[in-house]
Amino acid sequence: MEEINRFIKSFNAKIFFLRRSLKKTSSCVFITYLAIFDISVLLSHGINLARFSETAVFECSLYFFTDLSTFCANWVLVIITIERCVVVYSPFYAKRLCT
């Protein structure tokens, strides 16, 4: 039940950030990627919990996809943090650097 709740929240965040006024900012792009990776992590965990198949190839590829999605989501968070630090420490330079 918790994963369904997180899936709905990630999907709503993706829809919210795709508005016209927010679509052109780099933060919106990164948060959209983060929502996509979070949704893929939640779906792969849900499939893993349901255990649709017991074949080793499917299990290995599912674990790989889960780890890859988690890895990408973590790096997107790092990029968002770096962008926010640049905006806070040098706001006039951030417009050139972060767009």
C-alpha atoms as a PDB file:
ATOM      1  CA  MET A   1       0.000   0.000   0.000  1.00  0.00           C
ATOM      2  CA  GLU A   2       2.894   2.330   0.762  1.00  0.00           C
ATOM      3  CA  GLU A   3       4.332   1.862  -2.732  1.00  0.00           C
ATOM      4  CA  ILE A   4       1.014   2.731  -4.351  1.00  0.00           C
ATOM      5  CA  ASN A   5       0.877   5.929  -2.310  1.00  0.00           C
ATOM      6  CA  ARG A   6       4.432   6.864  -3.353  1.00  0.00           C
ATOM      7  CA  PHE A   7       3.645   6.062  -6.982  1.00  0.00           C
ATOM      8  CA  ILE A   8       0.643   8.397  -6.945  1.00  0.00           C
ATOM      9  CA  LYS A   9       2.686  11.178  -5.327  1.00  0.00           C
ATOM     10  CA  SER A  10       5.496  10.843  -7.875  1.00  0.00           C
ATOM     11  CA  PHE A  11       3.049  10.834 -10.754  1.00  0.00           C
ATOM     12  CA  ASN A  12       1.288  13.937  -9.392  1.00  0.00           C
ATOM     13  CA  ALA A  13       4.626  15.713  -8.982  1.00  0.00           C
ATOM     14  CA  LYS A  14       5.481  14.910 -12.587  1.00  0.00           C
ATOM     15  CA  ILE A  15       2.178  16.357 -13.789  1.00  0.00           C
ATOM     16  CA  PHE A  16       2.584  19.456 -11.601  1.00  0.00           C
ATOM     17  CA  PHE A  17       6.052  20.265 -12.879  1.00  0.00           C
ATOM     18  CA  LEU A  18       5.079  19.926 -16.525  1.00  0.00           C
ATOM     19  CA  ARG A  19       3.027  23.131 -16.452  1.00  0.00           C
ATOM     20  CA  ARG A  20       3.944  25.762 -18.996  1.00  0.00           C
ATOM     21  CA  SER A  21       5.320  28.253 -16.482  1.00  0.00           C
ATOM     22  CA  LEU A  22       7.639  25.714 -14.859  1.00  0.00           C
ATOM     23  CA  LYS A  23       8.557  23.668 -17.924  1.00  0.00           C
ATOM     24  CA  LYS A  24      11.454  25.889 -19.018  1.00  0.00           C
ATOM     25  CA  THR A  25      13.441  25.861 -15.781  1.00  0.00           C
ATOM     26  CA  SER A  26      16.321  23.462 -15.260  1.00  0.00           C
ATOM     27  CA  SER A  27      15.014  22.544 -11.816  1.00  0.00           C
ATOM     28  CA  CYS A  28      11.781  21.378 -13.391  1.00  0.00           C
ATOM     29  CA  VAL A  29      13.665  19.165 -15.823  1.00  0.00           C
ATOM     30  CA  PHE A  30      15.693  17.574 -13.029  1.00  0.00           C
ATOM     31  CA  ILE A  31      12.643  17.058 -10.814  1.00  0.00           C
ATOM     32  CA  THR A  32      10.789  15.498 -13.742  1.00  0.00           C
ATOM     33  CA  TYR A  33      13.672  13.064 -14.271  1.00  0.00           C
ATOM     34  CA  LEU A  34      13.671  12.340 -10.550  1.00  0.00           C
ATOM     35  CA  ALA A  35       9.937  11.573 -10.637  1.00  0.00           C
ATOM     36  CA  ILE A  36      10.432   9.242 -13.608  1.00  0.00           C
ATOM     37  CA  PHE A  37      13.270   7.377 -11.895  1.00  0.00           C
ATOM     38  CA  ASP A  38      11.292   7.164  -8.641  1.00  0.00           C
ATOM     39  CA  ILE A  39       8.313   5.714 -10.475  1.00  0.00           C
ATOM     40  CA  SER A  40      10.548   3.139 -12.172  1.00  0.00           C
ATOM     41  CA  VAL A  41      12.107   2.162  -8.823  1.00  0.00           C
ATOM     42  CA  LEU A  42       8.688   1.748  -7.238  1.00  0.00           C
ATOM     43  CA  LEU A  43       7.355  -0.296 -10.148  1.00  0.00           C
ATOM     44  CA  SER A  44      10.377  -2.592 -10.178  1.00  0.00           C
ATOM     45  CA  HIS A  45      10.113  -3.108  -6.411  1.00  0.00           C
ATOM     46  CA  GLY A  46       6.423  -3.881  -6.820  1.00  0.00           C
ATOM     47  CA  ILE A  47       7.162  -6.454  -9.508  1.00  0.00           C
ATOM     48  CA  ASN A  48       9.872  -7.930  -7.307  1.00  0.00           C
ATOM     49  CA  LEU A  49       7.456  -8.245  -4.395  1.00  0.00           C
ATOM     50  CA  ALA A  50       4.799  -9.879  -6.579  1.00  0.00           C
ATOM     51  CA  ARG A  51       7.320 -12.468  -7.874  1.00  0.00           C
ATOM     52  CA  PHE A  52       5.788 -12.954 -11.283  1.00  0.00           C
ATOM     53  CA  SER A  53       8.590 -15.189 -12.457  1.00  0.00           C
ATOM     54  CA  GLU A  54      11.186 -17.372 -10.837  1.00  0.00           C
ATOM     55  CA  THR A  55      13.617 -17.427 -13.751  1.00  0.00           C
ATOM     56  CA  ALA A  56      17.121 -16.269 -12.990  1.00  0.00           C
ATOM     57  CA  VAL A  57      17.417 -14.085 -16.082  1.00  0.00           C
ATOM     58  CA  PHE A  58      14.282 -12.132 -15.202  1.00  0.00           C
ATOM     59  CA  GLU A  59      15.344 -11.744 -11.566  1.00  0.00           C
ATOM     60  CA  CYS A  60      18.831 -10.543 -12.518  1.00  0.00           C
ATOM     61  CA  SER A  61      17.556  -8.060 -15.063  1.00  0.00           C
ATOM     62  CA  LEU A  62      14.954  -6.789 -12.580  1.00  0.00           C
ATOM     63  CA  TYR A  63      17.606  -6.263  -9.907  1.00  0.00           C
ATOM     64  CA  PHE A  64      19.816  -4.521 -12.463  1.00  0.00           C
ATOM     65  CA  PHE A  65      16.969  -2.223 -13.530  1.00  0.00           C
ATOM     66  CA  THR A  66      16.144  -1.426  -9.890  1.00  0.00           C
ATOM     67  CA  ASP A  67      19.769  -0.633  -9.070  1.00  0.00           C
ATOM     68  CA  LEU A  68      20.202   1.433 -12.237  1.00  0.00           C
ATOM     69  CA  SER A  69      17.073   3.468 -11.502  1.00  0.00           C
ATOM     70  CA  THR A  70      18.162   4.039  -7.908  1.00  0.00           C
ATOM     71  CA  PHE A  71      21.648   5.047  -9.053  1.00  0.00           C
ATOM     72  CA  CYS A  72      20.265   7.536 -11.593  1.00  0.00           C
ATOM     73  CA  ALA A  73      17.804   8.975  -9.059  1.00  0.00           C
ATOM     74  CA  ASN A  74      20.634   9.539  -6.583  1.00  0.00           C
ATOM     75  CA  TRP A  75      22.750  11.344  -9.171  1.00  0.00           C
ATOM     76  CA  VAL A  76      19.814  13.521 -10.172  1.00  0.00           C
ATOM     77  CA  LEU A  77      19.524  14.508  -6.503  1.00  0.00           C
ATOM     78  CA  VAL A  78      23.221  15.397  -6.477  1.00  0.00           C
ATOM     79  CA  ILE A  79      22.775  17.565  -9.581  1.00  0.00           C
ATOM     80  CA  ILE A  80      19.773  19.321  -8.023  1.00  0.00           C
ATOM     81  CA  THR A  81      21.794  19.992  -4.870  1.00  0.00           C
ATOM     82  CA  ILE A  82      24.716  21.431  -6.839  1.00  0.00           C
ATOM     83  CA  GLU A  83      22.372  23.627  -8.842  1.00  0.00           C
ATOM     84  CA  ARG A  84      20.697  24.932  -5.681  1.00  0.00           C
ATOM     85  CA  CYS A  85      24.105  25.672  -4.113  1.00  0.00           C
ATOM     86  CA  VAL A  86      25.133  27.668  -7.174  1.00  0.00           C
ATOM     87  CA  VAL A  87      21.870  29.611  -7.065  1.00  0.00           C
ATOM     88  CA  VAL A  88      22.280  30.424  -3.368  1.00  0.00           C
ATOM     89  CA  TYR A  89      25.956  31.365  -3.427  1.00  0.00           C
ATOM     90  CA  SER A  90      26.056  33.318  -6.679  1.00  0.00           C
ATOM     91  CA  PRO A  91      22.554  34.176  -7.882  1.00  0.00           C
ATOM     92  CA  PHE A  92      23.669  36.476 -10.715  1.00  0.00           C
ATOM     93  CA  TYR A  93      26.035  33.870 -12.154  1.00  0.00           C
ATOM     94  CA  ALA A  94      23.465  31.089 -11.767  1.00  0.00           C
ATOM     95  CA  LYS A  95      21.257  32.332 -14.594  1.00  0.00           C
ATOM     96  CA  ARG A  96      24.097  31.817 -17.086  1.00  0.00           C
ATOM     97  CA  LEU A  97      25.368  28.597 -15.575  1.00  0.00           C
ATOM     98  CA  CYS A  98      22.173  26.678 -14.815  1.00  0.00           C
ATOM     99  CA  THR A  99      20.065  27.198 -17.930  1.00  0.00           C
END
